[in-house]
Structures are given as C-alpha cells and as structure tokens.
Amino acid sequence: MSNRTTPVDERLHHYLLSVSLREVPALRQLREETAALPEHNMQIAPEQGQFMQMLLGLMGARRCIEVGTFTGYSTLAMALALPEDGRILACDVSEEWTAIGQRHWEAAAVAERIDLRIAPASETLTALIDEGGAPDWDFAFIDADKPSYPDYYEQCLKLIRPGGVIAVDNSLWDGKVADPAVDDEDTRAIRAFNEKLYADERVDISLVPIGDGLTLARKR
C-alpha cells in the first residue's frame, strides 16, 4: 500500500506493458516504423494511447480534435476507439511525418474517420471557431509546440462541449518542470501552462503520470 504514485523503473515499466498493453498490429507497426526516426521521442507512449482509447470509450466520444499529429500514432489510437461515424480533426504542419501515419490509417481501415489539415493549428482552429455554432466537440488532444499551448488550449476550450475533455501532453517534461536548474523556453512554457490550468476554474483537472505526463481538463 502507498499514498504516493509508485516510481516506474525499466523493470516495472516492462511488467506494466506485459500485463496491460493490448496493442493491435496496426499500432505496433506504426510505432516500430516511427522508432527509426531521429525524432521518435515525439511519439506518445503506447500505454498512453491505450489510456486515451479507454477515456474516449467511457465518454462515448464521437468528435475529437488533435493538435500535433507527428506520424499519427495517437491519431490512429483514437480513431480505433471511435464509432464508425466518428471524426478526428488532425492538425499538423508536416506532410512528411503525417504521410507515414496515413499509410497505417489506410491499412487499419479508419482513414475515413480522420480529417487531416496541413496548416498551422491555430489557423485551423480559428477557422473552426469562426464557423460558429454551439461547442460540440467531445475531446481534444494537444501535443505540439510548447509555447503555443495556452493559445491551443483556449481555442479548444471554445470548441468542446460542457463535460468534454482536453488532454494535454508532456506536462511533466521528463521531470524538468520540477528542476529549478532547467530554464529553457520549452520548460518555462510548460511550467507556466501547468500553473495556468491549476488556477483555471472553468475546468476540473487531473495530471496523470503516464508517458511524459498527461493533464486532463474537463470543461465545466
């Protein structure tokens, strides 16, 4: 028994995956292909993808926004958890990286659920807001450039419905957020964003120590 989160070393992480990860072949193949890229650490952990799938299922989510797609692992994980008429609006600026994901989305027969927009996410989200209408998105996942997190968050908060959830990645930033000796731009940005969410009474929050830290903000 413990009243603190159990530290996860390599041995325990391997055990965690061995008894809980149910990764379908399409996800595993995409993850393995991404692992060969120099930027592979930008991909979410597979157990985080499964956690998000569980969350979408519990919410009965049908409409999702993704800010930052990379090679599309998180996109594919979410698409697999949606009903056939579900939709993900995926925002990214890289045709090269997202092309990797598109092949695997097609192979998994969920490409029709994914609306990929190659453009700055702020522009895509602004256009969506300008279209008007009641907020009717169920879920948003933010995993992109860290200094822009506050802007993405505010835009997504306008778009999701009451009771909807915004999930924000990299909240723990490999532990750097708690190290006063680290003072680079991205670390400062994440610290400031974490403090912003903590003080935001428009949402209920929980910072889950999975992957590199995942903050869940439920719109009141």
Protein backbone atom coordinates (compact mmCIF):
# COMPACT_ATOMS: atom_id res chain seq x y z
CA MET A 1 0.00 0.00 0.00
CA SER A 2 1.16 3.52 -0.69
CA ASN A 3 -0.19 7.05 -0.56
CA ARG A 4 2.15 8.15 -3.37
CA THR A 5 2.46 7.23 -7.04
CA THR A 6 4.78 4.25 -7.43
CA PRO A 7 8.00 5.18 -9.30
CA VAL A 8 8.24 3.26 -12.58
CA ASP A 9 11.72 1.98 -13.46
CA GLU A 10 12.56 -0.06 -16.58
CA ARG A 11 11.72 -3.40 -14.97
CA LEU A 12 8.35 -2.23 -13.67
CA HIS A 13 7.56 -0.49 -16.97
CA HIS A 14 8.23 -3.74 -18.84
CA TYR A 15 5.92 -5.56 -16.43
CA LEU A 16 3.25 -2.88 -16.83
CA LEU A 17 3.27 -3.35 -20.60
CA SER A 18 3.34 -7.14 -20.35
CA VAL A 19 0.12 -7.33 -18.33
CA SER A 20 -1.86 -4.37 -19.69
CA LEU A 21 -0.92 -3.27 -23.21
CA ARG A 22 -3.26 -4.62 -25.89
CA GLU A 23 -1.72 -3.01 -28.95
CA VAL A 24 -3.28 -4.06 -32.25
CA PRO A 25 -0.85 -4.85 -35.11
CA ALA A 26 -1.55 -1.57 -36.94
CA LEU A 27 -0.48 0.46 -33.90
CA ARG A 28 2.57 -1.70 -33.24
CA GLN A 29 3.73 -1.45 -36.85
CA LEU A 30 3.35 2.33 -36.86
CA ARG A 31 5.21 2.62 -33.56
CA GLU A 32 8.06 0.44 -34.84
CA GLU A 33 8.38 2.46 -38.05
CA THR A 34 8.41 5.71 -36.08
CA ALA A 35 11.11 4.32 -33.77
CA ALA A 36 13.59 4.51 -36.66
CA LEU A 37 13.19 8.30 -36.93
CA PRO A 38 15.60 10.66 -35.14
CA GLU A 39 12.53 12.42 -33.67
CA HIS A 40 10.94 9.20 -32.41
CA ASN A 41 10.68 10.54 -28.85
CA MET A 42 7.90 12.88 -30.06
CA GLN A 43 5.53 9.89 -30.20
CA ILE A 44 3.36 9.16 -27.19
CA ALA A 45 3.91 6.01 -25.16
CA PRO A 46 1.75 3.06 -26.21
CA GLU A 47 0.21 2.75 -22.76
CA GLN A 48 -0.84 6.40 -23.05
CA GLY A 49 -2.53 5.66 -26.34
CA GLN A 50 -4.46 2.82 -24.73
CA PHE A 51 -5.40 5.06 -21.80
CA MET A 52 -6.80 7.64 -24.19
CA GLN A 53 -8.76 4.93 -26.01
CA MET A 54 -10.31 3.92 -22.70
CA LEU A 55 -11.16 7.53 -21.94
CA LEU A 56 -12.85 8.05 -25.31
CA GLY A 57 -14.86 4.89 -24.82
CA LEU A 58 -16.00 5.93 -21.34
CA MET A 59 -17.02 9.35 -22.68
CA GLY A 60 -18.84 7.92 -25.68
CA ALA A 61 -16.78 10.38 -27.73
CA ARG A 62 -17.54 10.84 -31.43
CA ARG A 63 -15.78 14.10 -32.37
CA CYS A 64 -12.14 14.75 -31.49
CA ILE A 65 -9.54 17.42 -32.19
CA GLU A 66 -5.83 16.65 -32.31
CA VAL A 67 -3.24 19.45 -32.21
CA GLY A 68 0.05 17.90 -33.29
CA THR A 69 -0.13 14.63 -35.20
CA PHE A 70 3.53 13.71 -35.92
CA THR A 71 3.44 10.22 -37.51
CA GLY A 72 -0.12 9.61 -36.42
CA TYR A 73 0.16 7.05 -33.62
CA SER A 74 -2.13 8.96 -31.25
CA THR A 75 -4.44 9.70 -34.18
CA LEU A 76 -4.72 6.03 -35.03
CA ALA A 77 -5.24 5.03 -31.41
CA MET A 78 -8.11 7.48 -31.06
CA ALA A 79 -9.64 6.62 -34.44
CA LEU A 80 -9.75 2.94 -33.49
CA ALA A 81 -11.70 3.86 -30.34
CA LEU A 82 -14.35 5.88 -32.17
CA PRO A 83 -17.58 4.55 -33.71
CA GLU A 84 -17.73 4.22 -37.48
CA ASP A 85 -19.24 7.68 -37.86
CA GLY A 86 -16.68 9.25 -35.52
CA ARG A 87 -14.37 12.02 -36.68
CA ILE A 88 -10.93 13.34 -35.76
CA LEU A 89 -9.75 16.74 -36.94
CA ALA A 90 -5.96 16.27 -37.00
CA CYS A 91 -3.80 19.40 -37.19
CA ASP A 92 -0.14 19.35 -38.22
CA VAL A 93 2.32 21.24 -40.43
CA SER A 94 4.40 18.32 -41.71
CA GLU A 95 3.37 16.44 -44.83
CA GLU A 96 6.41 14.18 -44.46
CA TRP A 97 5.63 12.89 -40.98
CA THR A 98 1.86 12.65 -41.43
CA ALA A 99 2.34 10.69 -44.68
CA ILE A 100 3.74 7.87 -42.54
CA GLY A 101 0.61 7.82 -40.46
CA GLN A 102 -1.71 8.00 -43.45
CA ARG A 103 -0.42 4.67 -44.77
CA HIS A 104 -1.18 2.98 -41.47
CA TRP A 105 -4.57 4.68 -41.13
CA GLU A 106 -5.49 3.24 -44.51
CA ALA A 107 -4.22 -0.21 -43.54
CA ALA A 108 -6.30 -0.10 -40.36
CA ALA A 109 -9.40 0.96 -42.36
CA VAL A 110 -10.01 4.09 -40.27
CA ALA A 111 -8.70 6.78 -42.65
CA GLU A 112 -12.24 7.97 -43.37
CA ARG A 113 -12.56 8.98 -39.70
CA ILE A 114 -9.56 11.32 -39.89
CA ASP A 115 -9.69 14.81 -41.38
CA LEU A 116 -6.03 15.83 -41.67
CA ARG A 117 -5.37 19.56 -42.06
CA ILE A 118 -1.81 20.55 -43.07
CA ALA A 119 -1.61 24.11 -41.75
CA PRO A 120 -0.72 25.90 -38.53
CA ALA A 121 -3.12 24.53 -35.94
CA SER A 122 -4.03 27.99 -34.67
CA GLU A 123 -5.31 28.88 -38.14
CA THR A 124 -7.32 25.66 -38.45
CA LEU A 125 -8.88 26.11 -35.02
CA THR A 126 -9.65 29.79 -35.62
CA ALA A 127 -11.45 28.90 -38.85
CA LEU A 128 -13.43 26.25 -36.97
CA ILE A 129 -14.44 28.77 -34.30
CA ASP A 130 -15.39 31.34 -36.94
CA GLU A 131 -17.79 28.84 -38.50
CA GLY A 132 -19.96 29.43 -35.43
CA GLY A 133 -22.43 27.04 -33.88
CA ALA A 134 -22.59 25.54 -30.41
CA PRO A 135 -19.49 23.84 -29.00
CA ASP A 136 -19.99 20.20 -29.91
CA TRP A 137 -16.57 18.52 -29.87
CA ASP A 138 -16.10 15.84 -27.23
CA PHE A 139 -12.34 15.64 -26.83
CA ALA A 140 -9.15 17.48 -27.75
CA PHE A 141 -5.56 16.28 -27.52
CA ILE A 142 -2.79 18.88 -27.50
CA ASP A 143 0.75 17.71 -28.26
CA ALA A 144 2.56 20.36 -30.29
CA ASP A 145 4.92 23.34 -29.83
CA LYS A 146 5.01 24.11 -26.12
CA PRO A 147 4.98 27.95 -26.14
CA SER A 148 1.69 27.83 -28.06
CA TYR A 149 -0.06 25.56 -25.55
CA PRO A 150 -2.07 28.42 -23.95
CA ASP A 151 -3.44 29.52 -27.34
CA TYR A 152 -4.34 25.98 -28.41
CA TYR A 153 -5.99 25.37 -25.05
CA GLU A 154 -8.15 28.49 -25.22
CA GLN A 155 -9.23 27.65 -28.77
CA CYS A 156 -10.09 24.05 -27.88
CA LEU A 157 -11.97 25.20 -24.79
CA LYS A 158 -14.26 27.22 -27.07
CA LEU A 159 -14.88 24.21 -29.29
CA ILE A 160 -15.53 21.36 -26.84
CA ARG A 161 -18.88 20.84 -25.19
CA PRO A 162 -19.53 21.13 -21.45
CA GLY A 163 -18.33 17.84 -19.99
CA GLY A 164 -15.84 17.47 -22.82
CA VAL A 165 -12.16 16.86 -22.08
CA ILE A 166 -8.93 18.47 -23.23
CA ALA A 167 -5.87 16.23 -22.78
CA VAL A 168 -2.51 17.99 -22.77
CA ASP A 169 0.71 16.03 -23.27
CA ASN A 170 4.21 16.49 -21.77
CA SER A 171 3.02 18.01 -18.50
CA LEU A 172 6.00 16.53 -16.63
CA TRP A 173 8.54 17.18 -19.42
CA ASP A 174 10.92 14.40 -18.38
CA GLY A 175 10.99 15.85 -14.86
CA LYS A 176 12.48 19.16 -15.99
CA VAL A 177 9.47 21.14 -14.76
CA ALA A 178 10.49 20.33 -11.19
CA ASP A 179 14.19 21.13 -11.65
CA PRO A 180 14.93 24.83 -10.96
CA ALA A 181 18.27 24.47 -12.73
CA VAL A 182 16.47 23.95 -16.07
CA ASP A 183 15.36 27.23 -17.60
CA ASP A 184 14.96 26.77 -21.37
CA GLU A 185 12.00 28.18 -23.29
CA ASP A 186 10.00 24.96 -23.58
CA THR A 187 10.41 24.09 -19.89
CA ARG A 188 9.35 27.58 -18.83
CA ALA A 189 6.35 27.34 -21.17
CA ILE A 190 5.16 24.05 -19.71
CA ARG A 191 5.62 25.26 -16.14
CA ALA A 192 3.57 28.36 -16.90
CA PHE A 193 0.89 26.33 -18.66
CA ASN A 194 0.62 23.86 -15.76
CA GLU A 195 0.14 26.79 -13.39
CA LYS A 196 -2.48 28.30 -15.72
CA LEU A 197 -4.54 25.11 -15.70
CA TYR A 198 -4.20 24.74 -11.95
CA ALA A 199 -5.78 28.17 -11.50
CA ASP A 200 -8.44 27.78 -14.21
CA GLU A 201 -11.83 27.37 -12.57
CA ARG A 202 -13.54 26.74 -15.90
CA VAL A 203 -12.28 23.15 -15.78
CA ASP A 204 -11.72 20.22 -13.46
CA ILE A 205 -8.19 18.86 -13.79
CA SER A 206 -6.07 15.80 -13.14
CA LEU A 207 -2.40 15.43 -14.04
CA VAL A 208 -1.87 11.74 -14.74
CA PRO A 209 1.75 10.48 -14.51
CA ILE A 210 1.56 8.36 -17.65
CA GLY A 211 4.02 8.73 -20.52
CA ASP A 212 5.59 12.17 -20.12
CA GLY A 213 2.66 13.41 -18.04
CA LEU A 214 -0.89 13.91 -19.32
CA THR A 215 -3.14 16.62 -17.91
CA LEU A 216 -6.88 16.11 -18.29
CA ALA A 217 -9.07 19.22 -18.17
CA ARG A 218 -12.83 18.61 -18.10
CA LYS A 219 -14.91 21.61 -19.15
CA ARG A 220 -17.47 22.52 -16.52
